Amino acid sequence: MKVRAGFYLKLLLPKGKPTLLTPEVLKEMQLQQERIEAEKKRGCRQEAGDGSRNP
């Protein structure tokens, strides 16, 4: 996301919101997304399994 320098310096930076997109940050974001997708898949499988076990 691109923002103007003044907005960044006066509002975002003091609140600790922005981070620079470095290769390390990008990799961590991708890992988090993979974890979320894996959790969703596991959740769907468990729900399907729970329903079939209970009559």
C-alpha atoms as a PDB file:
ATOM      1  CA  MET A   1       0.000   0.000   0.000  1.00  0.00           C
ATOM      2  CA  LYS A   2       1.337   3.403  -0.877  1.00  0.00           C
ATOM      3  CA  VAL A   3       0.702   6.347   1.428  1.00  0.00           C
ATOM      4  CA  ARG A   4       1.970   9.902   1.493  1.00  0.00           C
ATOM      5  CA  ALA A   5       5.090  10.592   3.533  1.00  0.00           C
ATOM      6  CA  GLY A   6       3.315  12.931   5.964  1.00  0.00           C
ATOM      7  CA  PHE A   7       0.574  10.388   6.712  1.00  0.00           C
ATOM      8  CA  TYR A   8       3.206   7.744   7.304  1.00  0.00           C
ATOM      9  CA  LEU A   9       5.396   9.907   9.531  1.00  0.00           C
ATOM     10  CA  LYS A  10       2.672  11.565  11.607  1.00  0.00           C
ATOM     11  CA  LEU A  11       0.052   8.866  11.964  1.00  0.00           C
ATOM     12  CA  LEU A  12       1.173   5.365  11.022  1.00  0.00           C
ATOM     13  CA  LEU A  13       4.764   5.272  12.229  1.00  0.00           C
ATOM     14  CA  PRO A  14       4.067   6.525  15.785  1.00  0.00           C
ATOM     15  CA  LYS A  15       1.358   3.867  16.191  1.00  0.00           C
ATOM     16  CA  GLY A  16       3.722   1.113  15.070  1.00  0.00           C
ATOM     17  CA  LYS A  17       1.433   0.059  12.216  1.00  0.00           C
ATOM     18  CA  PRO A  18       3.691  -0.042   9.177  1.00  0.00           C
ATOM     19  CA  THR A  19       6.455  -2.480   8.381  1.00  0.00           C
ATOM     20  CA  LEU A  20       8.697  -2.443   5.379  1.00  0.00           C
ATOM     21  CA  LEU A  21       8.153  -5.326   3.016  1.00  0.00           C
ATOM     22  CA  THR A  22      11.447  -7.173   3.168  1.00  0.00           C
ATOM     23  CA  PRO A  23      12.046 -10.711   1.906  1.00  0.00           C
ATOM     24  CA  GLU A  24      11.924 -11.924   5.518  1.00  0.00           C
ATOM     25  CA  VAL A  25       8.585 -10.221   6.202  1.00  0.00           C
ATOM     26  CA  LEU A  26       7.155 -11.557   2.937  1.00  0.00           C
ATOM     27  CA  LYS A  27       8.230 -15.100   3.785  1.00  0.00           C
ATOM     28  CA  GLU A  28       6.656 -14.841   7.250  1.00  0.00           C
ATOM     29  CA  MET A  29       3.410 -13.587   5.714  1.00  0.00           C
ATOM     30  CA  GLN A  30       3.372 -16.538   3.319  1.00  0.00           C
ATOM     31  CA  LEU A  31       3.997 -18.987   6.179  1.00  0.00           C
ATOM     32  CA  GLN A  32       1.144 -17.469   8.185  1.00  0.00           C
ATOM     33  CA  GLN A  33      -1.183 -17.767   5.198  1.00  0.00           C
ATOM     34  CA  GLU A  34      -0.206 -21.425   4.728  1.00  0.00           C
ATOM     35  CA  ARG A  35      -0.889 -22.106   8.425  1.00  0.00           C
ATOM     36  CA  ILE A  36      -4.318 -20.479   8.177  1.00  0.00           C
ATOM     37  CA  GLU A  37      -5.215 -22.539   5.110  1.00  0.00           C
ATOM     38  CA  ALA A  38      -4.021 -25.741   6.802  1.00  0.00           C
ATOM     39  CA  GLU A  39      -6.123 -24.936   9.892  1.00  0.00           C
ATOM     40  CA  LYS A  40      -9.184 -24.384   7.708  1.00  0.00           C
ATOM     41  CA  LYS A  41      -8.660 -27.720   5.948  1.00  0.00           C
ATOM     42  CA  ARG A  42      -8.218 -29.515   9.256  1.00  0.00           C
ATOM     43  CA  GLY A  43     -11.336 -27.845  10.642  1.00  0.00           C
ATOM     44  CA  CYS A  44     -13.437 -28.945   7.670  1.00  0.00           C
ATOM     45  CA  ARG A  45     -12.193 -32.508   7.932  1.00  0.00           C
ATOM     46  CA  GLN A  46     -12.879 -32.676  11.674  1.00  0.00           C
ATOM     47  CA  GLU A  47     -16.388 -31.280  11.250  1.00  0.00           C
ATOM     48  CA  ALA A  48     -17.160 -33.836   8.553  1.00  0.00           C
ATOM     49  CA  GLY A  49     -15.739 -36.597  10.720  1.00  0.00           C
ATOM     50  CA  ASP A  50     -17.659 -35.513  13.817  1.00  0.00           C
ATOM     51  CA  GLY A  51     -20.979 -35.510  11.970  1.00  0.00           C
ATOM     52  CA  SER A  52     -20.524 -39.025  10.607  1.00  0.00           C
ATOM     53  CA  ARG A  53     -19.654 -40.519  14.010  1.00  0.00           C
ATOM     54  CA  ASN A  54     -22.722 -39.160  15.803  1.00  0.00           C
ATOM     55  CA  PRO A  55     -26.009 -40.717  14.648  1.00  0.00           C
END
